Amino acid sequence: MISESSSFMKGVVLGGAFCVLVTLLGHIKVGHGTKAHHHEHHHIQAPNKEDVLNLSEGERMELSKSIRIYCIILVKPKDLGHWAAVKETWSKHCDKVEFYSSENVKVFDSVALNTNDMWVMMRKAYKITYERYKDEFNWFFLAYPTTFAIIENLKYFLLKKDPSQPFYIGHTVKSGDLEYVDGEGGIVLSIESLRRLSHVLEDSDKCPEQGGMIWKVAEDKQLAICLKYTGVFAENAEDSEGRDVFNTKSVGALIKEAMSTHPQQVVDGCCSDMAITFSGLAPNHMHVMMYGVYRLRPYGHTYNDALVFLPPAGSDND
């Protein structure tokens, strides 16, 4: 459920404070251009809460039901601890989630990709996803096992966005002439972007699986290069106040930074109260975040959300 007050952020910050007490975290991850159309960097924002309030109850219900998100988690056997944490926490809030593993792992169900190379894993996962689910879901969220996501906030962000348009959304980074979505913060593709990607993946000149210059760059940059050939460009996601909602650091790291740079406004200086992702979390911190986001509530505060995103049928989510 999406909170339309700072109470949500209080829950997240309390969860983050526990992370800080356990240990101070912090991670951030840092091609070449292609012959594509000139494109100005885009900043796209979440809908204004007032716009949602102006919708009729029927329109709100229809919108809440129309956004269906398929989650792709790329994992390897070395990630078993994180894998288990993601499986038991936030991924339950996806309309459907599947783990794509570098190899078959007996302890967890997964789609075995039979490769250790992250770019090959990513492209295989997207190709399988399109073939199996192109008619069932309209938004596709890819994450690494160290990422924590609040899927309800992602649905709210996508509320008035048209999946038939080529959206490629997340935390954008510029590398030379290339702008790409940093995989650490999670990557969102609309069905139209996934359709275009599935086609260019078949073109070994524009989007090779291996070899040449493209082999030497990270998988999230390689994805951007391939999408750029199809006219799909990275767009930075922000809340209605212009703050990033896809984070490539943990809450603990962001709070630590805010304590240094904004000591009088740690909460406001830390992160958006409509944040969608945080990254670089240890497995135990995933559970702390789950408690802070979905369980901890200050007594006496009310929640009057204009929309309710109901869990998938048969789900055991929180």
Protein backbone atom coordinates (compact mmCIF):
# COMPACT_ATOMS: atom_id res chain seq x y z
CA MET A 1 0.00 0.00 0.00
CA ILE A 2 1.32 3.45 -0.87
CA SER A 3 1.42 5.97 1.96
CA GLU A 4 0.78 9.52 0.89
CA SER A 5 2.48 11.08 3.90
CA SER A 6 5.91 11.09 5.39
CA SER A 7 4.84 8.19 7.61
CA PHE A 8 6.07 5.76 4.96
CA MET A 9 9.50 7.37 5.05
CA LYS A 10 9.54 7.15 8.84
CA GLY A 11 9.11 3.41 8.53
CA VAL A 12 11.88 3.15 5.96
CA VAL A 13 14.24 5.35 7.98
CA LEU A 14 13.57 3.35 11.13
CA GLY A 15 14.38 0.22 9.17
CA GLY A 16 17.49 1.95 7.82
CA ALA A 17 18.51 3.00 11.31
CA PHE A 18 18.56 -0.62 12.35
CA CYS A 19 20.78 -1.30 9.34
CA VAL A 20 23.14 1.44 10.49
CA LEU A 21 23.28 0.01 13.99
CA VAL A 22 24.06 -3.46 12.65
CA THR A 23 26.70 -2.15 10.26
CA LEU A 24 27.13 0.87 8.04
CA LEU A 25 26.63 -0.16 4.47
CA GLY A 26 27.33 1.45 1.17
CA HIS A 27 27.89 0.45 -2.41
CA ILE A 28 27.76 2.12 -5.77
CA LYS A 29 28.69 0.86 -9.18
CA VAL A 30 30.08 2.85 -11.89
CA GLY A 31 30.81 1.82 -23.93
CA HIS A 32 30.77 3.47 -26.54
CA GLY A 33 28.18 5.49 -28.44
CA THR A 34 26.08 4.16 -31.25
CA LYS A 35 24.72 5.63 -34.44
CA ALA A 36 21.35 6.58 -33.04
CA HIS A 37 19.11 9.62 -32.96
CA HIS A 38 20.09 12.58 -30.78
CA HIS A 39 18.26 12.37 -27.47
CA GLU A 40 18.07 14.79 -24.58
CA HIS A 41 18.33 13.20 -21.14
CA HIS A 42 14.85 12.69 -19.73
CA HIS A 43 13.72 13.00 -16.13
CA ILE A 44 10.33 11.40 -15.60
CA GLN A 45 8.34 11.88 -12.45
CA ALA A 46 5.76 10.05 -10.40
CA PRO A 47 2.18 11.34 -10.68
CA ASN A 48 1.08 14.12 -8.37
CA LYS A 49 -0.98 12.83 -5.48
CA GLU A 50 -3.61 15.46 -6.25
CA ASP A 51 -4.05 14.02 -9.75
CA VAL A 52 -4.81 10.61 -8.28
CA LEU A 53 -7.25 12.08 -5.77
CA ASN A 54 -9.15 13.72 -8.63
CA LEU A 55 -9.84 10.35 -10.24
CA SER A 56 -13.13 8.62 -9.59
CA GLU A 57 -13.16 5.52 -7.42
CA GLY A 58 -13.85 3.39 -10.48
CA GLU A 59 -10.92 4.91 -12.37
CA ARG A 60 -8.59 4.31 -9.42
CA MET A 61 -9.63 0.68 -9.15
CA GLU A 62 -9.19 0.14 -12.88
CA LEU A 63 -5.73 1.72 -12.82
CA SER A 64 -4.61 -0.30 -9.81
CA LYS A 65 -5.63 -3.53 -11.56
CA SER A 66 -4.08 -2.62 -14.91
CA ILE A 67 -0.46 -2.43 -13.74
CA ARG A 68 1.02 -5.91 -13.70
CA ILE A 69 4.71 -6.30 -12.98
CA TYR A 70 6.85 -9.31 -13.77
CA CYS A 71 10.06 -9.42 -11.75
CA ILE A 72 13.33 -10.90 -13.04
CA ILE A 73 16.03 -11.62 -10.46
CA LEU A 74 19.48 -12.54 -11.80
CA VAL A 75 21.28 -14.87 -9.39
CA LYS A 76 24.27 -17.17 -9.08
CA PRO A 77 24.95 -20.00 -6.59
CA LYS A 78 27.24 -17.70 -4.59
CA ASP A 79 24.18 -15.51 -3.94
CA LEU A 80 22.22 -18.15 -2.01
CA GLY A 81 21.90 -16.00 1.13
CA HIS A 82 20.61 -13.01 -0.82
CA TRP A 83 18.50 -15.27 -3.02
CA ALA A 84 16.71 -16.67 0.02
CA ALA A 85 16.18 -13.19 1.49
CA VAL A 86 14.71 -11.77 -1.72
CA LYS A 87 12.47 -14.82 -2.08
CA GLU A 88 11.16 -14.38 1.47
CA THR A 89 10.75 -10.61 1.41
CA TRP A 90 9.95 -8.04 -1.26
CA SER A 91 9.67 -10.31 -4.30
CA LYS A 92 6.37 -11.68 -2.96
CA HIS A 93 4.84 -8.34 -3.91
CA CYS A 94 5.52 -8.80 -7.64
CA ASP A 95 2.58 -10.03 -9.69
CA LYS A 96 4.94 -12.82 -10.70
CA VAL A 97 8.63 -13.32 -9.93
CA GLU A 98 11.17 -15.73 -11.35
CA PHE A 99 14.81 -16.22 -10.50
CA TYR A 100 17.16 -16.65 -13.45
CA SER A 101 20.26 -18.51 -12.35
CA SER A 102 23.63 -19.04 -13.98
CA GLU A 103 23.15 -22.76 -13.35
CA ASN A 104 20.67 -25.19 -11.88
CA VAL A 105 20.48 -24.98 -8.07
CA LYS A 106 18.66 -27.76 -6.24
CA VAL A 107 17.61 -25.78 -3.18
CA PHE A 108 15.59 -23.15 -5.10
CA ASP A 109 13.45 -23.16 -8.20
CA SER A 110 14.96 -21.11 -10.99
CA VAL A 111 15.30 -20.78 -14.74
CA ALA A 112 18.79 -22.13 -15.45
CA LEU A 113 20.63 -20.05 -18.06
CA ASN A 114 23.82 -22.14 -18.11
CA THR A 115 26.26 -19.24 -18.25
CA ASN A 116 28.24 -17.19 -15.73
CA ASP A 117 28.49 -14.11 -17.92
CA MET A 118 26.14 -11.41 -16.66
CA TRP A 119 25.39 -9.93 -20.09
CA VAL A 120 24.56 -13.33 -21.54
CA MET A 121 22.40 -14.03 -18.48
CA MET A 122 20.57 -10.74 -18.86
CA ARG A 123 19.85 -11.11 -22.57
CA LYS A 124 18.74 -14.73 -22.17
CA ALA A 125 16.45 -13.77 -19.30
CA TYR A 126 14.85 -10.97 -21.31
CA LYS A 127 14.42 -13.21 -24.34
CA ILE A 128 12.72 -15.97 -22.32
CA THR A 129 10.57 -13.41 -20.53
CA TYR A 130 9.30 -11.91 -23.78
CA GLU A 131 8.55 -15.29 -25.32
CA ARG A 132 6.62 -16.49 -22.28
CA TYR A 133 4.94 -13.39 -20.87
CA LYS A 134 4.53 -10.80 -23.63
CA ASP A 135 0.74 -11.17 -23.48
CA GLU A 136 0.44 -11.40 -19.70
CA PHE A 137 2.39 -8.45 -18.24
CA ASN A 138 2.91 -4.85 -19.30
CA TRP A 139 5.90 -3.91 -17.12
CA PHE A 140 9.12 -5.83 -16.45
CA PHE A 141 11.43 -5.16 -13.50
CA LEU A 142 14.94 -6.65 -13.43
CA ALA A 143 16.99 -6.64 -10.22
CA TYR A 144 20.12 -8.08 -8.69
CA PRO A 145 19.90 -10.11 -5.46
CA THR A 146 21.35 -7.26 -3.36
CA THR A 147 18.45 -4.97 -4.31
CA PHE A 148 15.40 -4.29 -2.14
CA ALA A 149 12.32 -3.02 -3.97
CA ILE A 150 8.99 -1.58 -2.86
CA ILE A 151 6.79 -2.83 -5.68
CA GLU A 152 3.74 -0.82 -4.62
CA ASN A 153 5.76 2.37 -5.07
CA LEU A 154 6.87 1.17 -8.49
CA LYS A 155 3.24 0.60 -9.45
CA TYR A 156 2.36 4.07 -8.20
CA PHE A 157 5.20 5.57 -10.24
CA LEU A 158 3.99 3.77 -13.38
CA LEU A 159 0.36 4.65 -12.72
CA LYS A 160 -0.18 7.06 -15.62
CA LYS A 161 2.55 5.76 -17.93
CA ASP A 162 1.58 3.97 -21.13
CA PRO A 163 3.37 0.59 -21.45
CA SER A 164 2.76 0.68 -25.21
CA GLN A 165 5.38 3.44 -25.27
CA PRO A 166 9.12 2.56 -25.10
CA PHE A 167 9.99 3.20 -21.46
CA TYR A 168 13.43 2.25 -20.06
CA ILE A 169 13.50 3.57 -16.49
CA GLY A 170 15.69 3.62 -13.39
CA HIS A 171 18.71 5.47 -12.01
CA THR A 172 20.54 6.84 -15.03
CA VAL A 173 24.29 7.26 -15.36
CA LYS A 174 26.22 8.96 -18.16
CA SER A 175 29.31 7.23 -19.58
CA GLY A 176 30.77 9.22 -22.45
CA ASP A 177 27.94 9.67 -24.95
CA LEU A 178 25.99 6.79 -23.49
CA GLU A 179 23.27 7.18 -20.87
CA TYR A 180 22.22 3.95 -19.24
CA VAL A 181 20.17 2.68 -16.31
CA ASP A 182 22.42 1.41 -13.53
CA GLY A 183 21.52 -2.21 -12.87
CA GLU A 184 22.26 -1.86 -9.15
CA GLY A 185 19.12 0.25 -8.74
CA GLY A 186 16.93 -2.02 -10.85
CA ILE A 187 15.79 -1.70 -14.47
CA VAL A 188 12.22 -1.20 -15.65
CA LEU A 189 11.14 -1.90 -19.24
CA SER A 190 7.69 -1.42 -20.71
CA ILE A 191 6.31 -4.17 -22.93
CA GLU A 192 7.10 -2.04 -25.98
CA SER A 193 10.75 -1.66 -24.97
CA LEU A 194 10.97 -5.39 -24.29
CA ARG A 195 9.45 -6.09 -27.71
CA ARG A 196 12.05 -3.91 -29.41
CA LEU A 197 14.84 -5.45 -27.36
CA SER A 198 13.75 -8.98 -28.28
CA HIS A 199 14.11 -8.06 -31.95
CA VAL A 200 17.51 -6.37 -31.70
CA LEU A 201 18.86 -9.30 -29.68
CA GLU A 202 18.63 -11.27 -32.92
CA ASP A 203 20.93 -8.78 -34.68
CA SER A 204 24.50 -9.89 -33.96
CA ASP A 205 25.93 -6.72 -35.52
CA LYS A 206 24.04 -4.27 -33.34
CA CYS A 207 23.65 -6.42 -30.23
CA PRO A 208 26.22 -9.25 -30.14
CA GLU A 209 26.24 -11.83 -27.39
CA GLN A 210 30.01 -11.67 -27.18
CA GLY A 211 33.10 -10.42 -28.96
CA GLY A 212 34.20 -6.97 -30.05
CA MET A 213 34.06 -3.80 -28.01
CA ILE A 214 30.67 -4.56 -26.47
CA TRP A 215 32.17 -7.54 -24.67
CA LYS A 216 34.31 -5.22 -22.55
CA VAL A 217 31.56 -3.21 -20.88
CA ALA A 218 29.15 -4.03 -18.06
CA GLU A 219 25.85 -5.69 -18.81
CA ASP A 220 23.74 -2.65 -17.94
CA LYS A 221 25.73 -0.55 -20.41
CA GLN A 222 25.43 -3.25 -23.05
CA LEU A 223 21.66 -3.25 -22.58
CA ALA A 224 21.56 0.51 -23.16
CA ILE A 225 23.64 0.17 -26.33
CA CYS A 226 21.27 -2.43 -27.75
CA LEU A 227 18.17 -0.45 -26.79
CA LYS A 228 19.61 2.73 -28.28
CA TYR A 229 19.62 1.10 -31.70
CA THR A 230 15.87 0.62 -31.36
CA GLY A 231 15.16 4.21 -30.35
CA VAL A 232 14.77 3.43 -26.65
CA PHE A 233 16.70 5.67 -24.26
CA ALA A 234 17.36 5.66 -20.53
CA GLU A 235 15.13 7.88 -18.39
CA ASN A 236 15.82 8.88 -14.80
CA ALA A 237 12.95 8.24 -12.40
CA GLU A 238 12.12 10.91 -9.81
CA ASP A 239 9.36 11.73 -7.38
CA SER A 240 7.15 14.80 -7.76
CA GLU A 241 9.83 16.87 -6.01
CA GLY A 242 12.63 15.76 -8.32
CA ARG A 243 14.31 13.28 -5.95
CA ASP A 244 15.63 9.96 -7.23
CA VAL A 245 13.44 6.96 -6.48
CA PHE A 246 15.77 4.21 -7.76
CA ASN A 247 18.74 4.13 -5.39
CA THR A 248 22.08 2.44 -6.03
CA LYS A 249 22.98 2.55 -2.33
CA SER A 250 21.48 1.16 0.86
CA VAL A 251 19.32 3.20 3.23
CA GLY A 252 22.14 3.00 5.77
CA ALA A 253 24.65 4.52 3.35
CA LEU A 254 22.21 7.26 2.28
CA ILE A 255 21.41 8.15 5.90
CA LYS A 256 25.10 8.30 6.71
CA GLU A 257 25.65 10.69 3.80
CA ALA A 258 22.66 12.82 4.82
CA MET A 259 23.96 13.07 8.39
CA SER A 260 27.12 14.58 6.95
CA THR A 261 25.63 16.81 4.25
CA HIS A 262 22.20 17.67 5.74
CA PRO A 263 22.55 17.20 9.52
CA GLN A 264 19.43 19.29 10.21
CA GLN A 265 17.32 17.43 7.63
CA VAL A 266 18.51 13.86 7.66
CA VAL A 267 15.20 12.33 6.53
CA ASP A 268 14.54 14.83 3.74
CA GLY A 269 18.19 14.80 2.75
CA CYS A 270 18.37 11.02 2.69
CA CYS A 271 15.86 9.86 0.14
CA SER A 272 12.41 10.14 -1.33
CA ASP A 273 9.44 8.97 0.74
CA MET A 274 8.27 7.29 -2.47
CA ALA A 275 11.56 5.43 -3.02
CA ILE A 276 11.31 2.31 -5.14
CA THR A 277 14.68 0.60 -4.65
CA PHE A 278 17.74 0.48 -2.43
CA SER A 279 20.84 -1.52 -3.21
CA GLY A 280 23.85 -3.12 -1.55
CA LEU A 281 21.87 -4.80 1.23
CA ALA A 282 23.00 -7.86 3.17
CA PRO A 283 20.37 -10.61 3.60
CA ASN A 284 19.56 -9.65 7.20
CA HIS A 285 19.05 -6.04 6.18
CA MET A 286 16.45 -7.19 3.65
CA HIS A 287 14.39 -8.47 6.58
CA VAL A 288 15.00 -5.25 8.54
CA MET A 289 13.74 -3.25 5.57
CA MET A 290 10.72 -5.51 5.28
CA TYR A 291 9.89 -4.78 8.92
CA GLY A 292 10.40 -1.03 8.53
CA VAL A 293 8.42 -0.72 5.29
CA TYR A 294 5.54 -3.16 5.81
CA ARG A 295 5.24 -3.82 9.54
CA LEU A 296 6.32 -0.90 11.73
CA ARG A 297 3.59 1.72 12.16
CA PRO A 298 3.44 4.69 14.56
CA TYR A 299 0.31 4.44 16.70
CA GLY A 300 -2.24 7.16 16.06
CA HIS A 301 -1.20 7.88 12.49
CA THR A 302 -3.77 7.27 9.79
CA TYR A 303 -3.22 6.12 6.22
CA ASN A 304 -5.59 7.46 3.62
CA ASP A 305 -4.10 6.19 0.39
CA ALA A 306 -6.08 6.96 -2.73
CA LEU A 307 -5.13 3.61 -4.24
CA VAL A 308 -4.77 0.08 -2.97
CA PHE A 309 -2.60 -2.39 -4.88
CA LEU A 310 -3.96 -5.78 -3.97
CA PRO A 311 -1.61 -8.78 -3.84
CA PRO A 312 -1.72 -11.38 -6.62
CA ALA A 313 -4.27 -14.15 -6.13
CA GLY A 314 -2.84 -16.90 -3.95
CA SER A 315 0.10 -14.76 -2.84
CA ASP A 316 1.48 -14.93 0.68
CA ASN A 317 2.87 -11.41 0.55
CA ASP A 318 2.71 -9.03 3.47
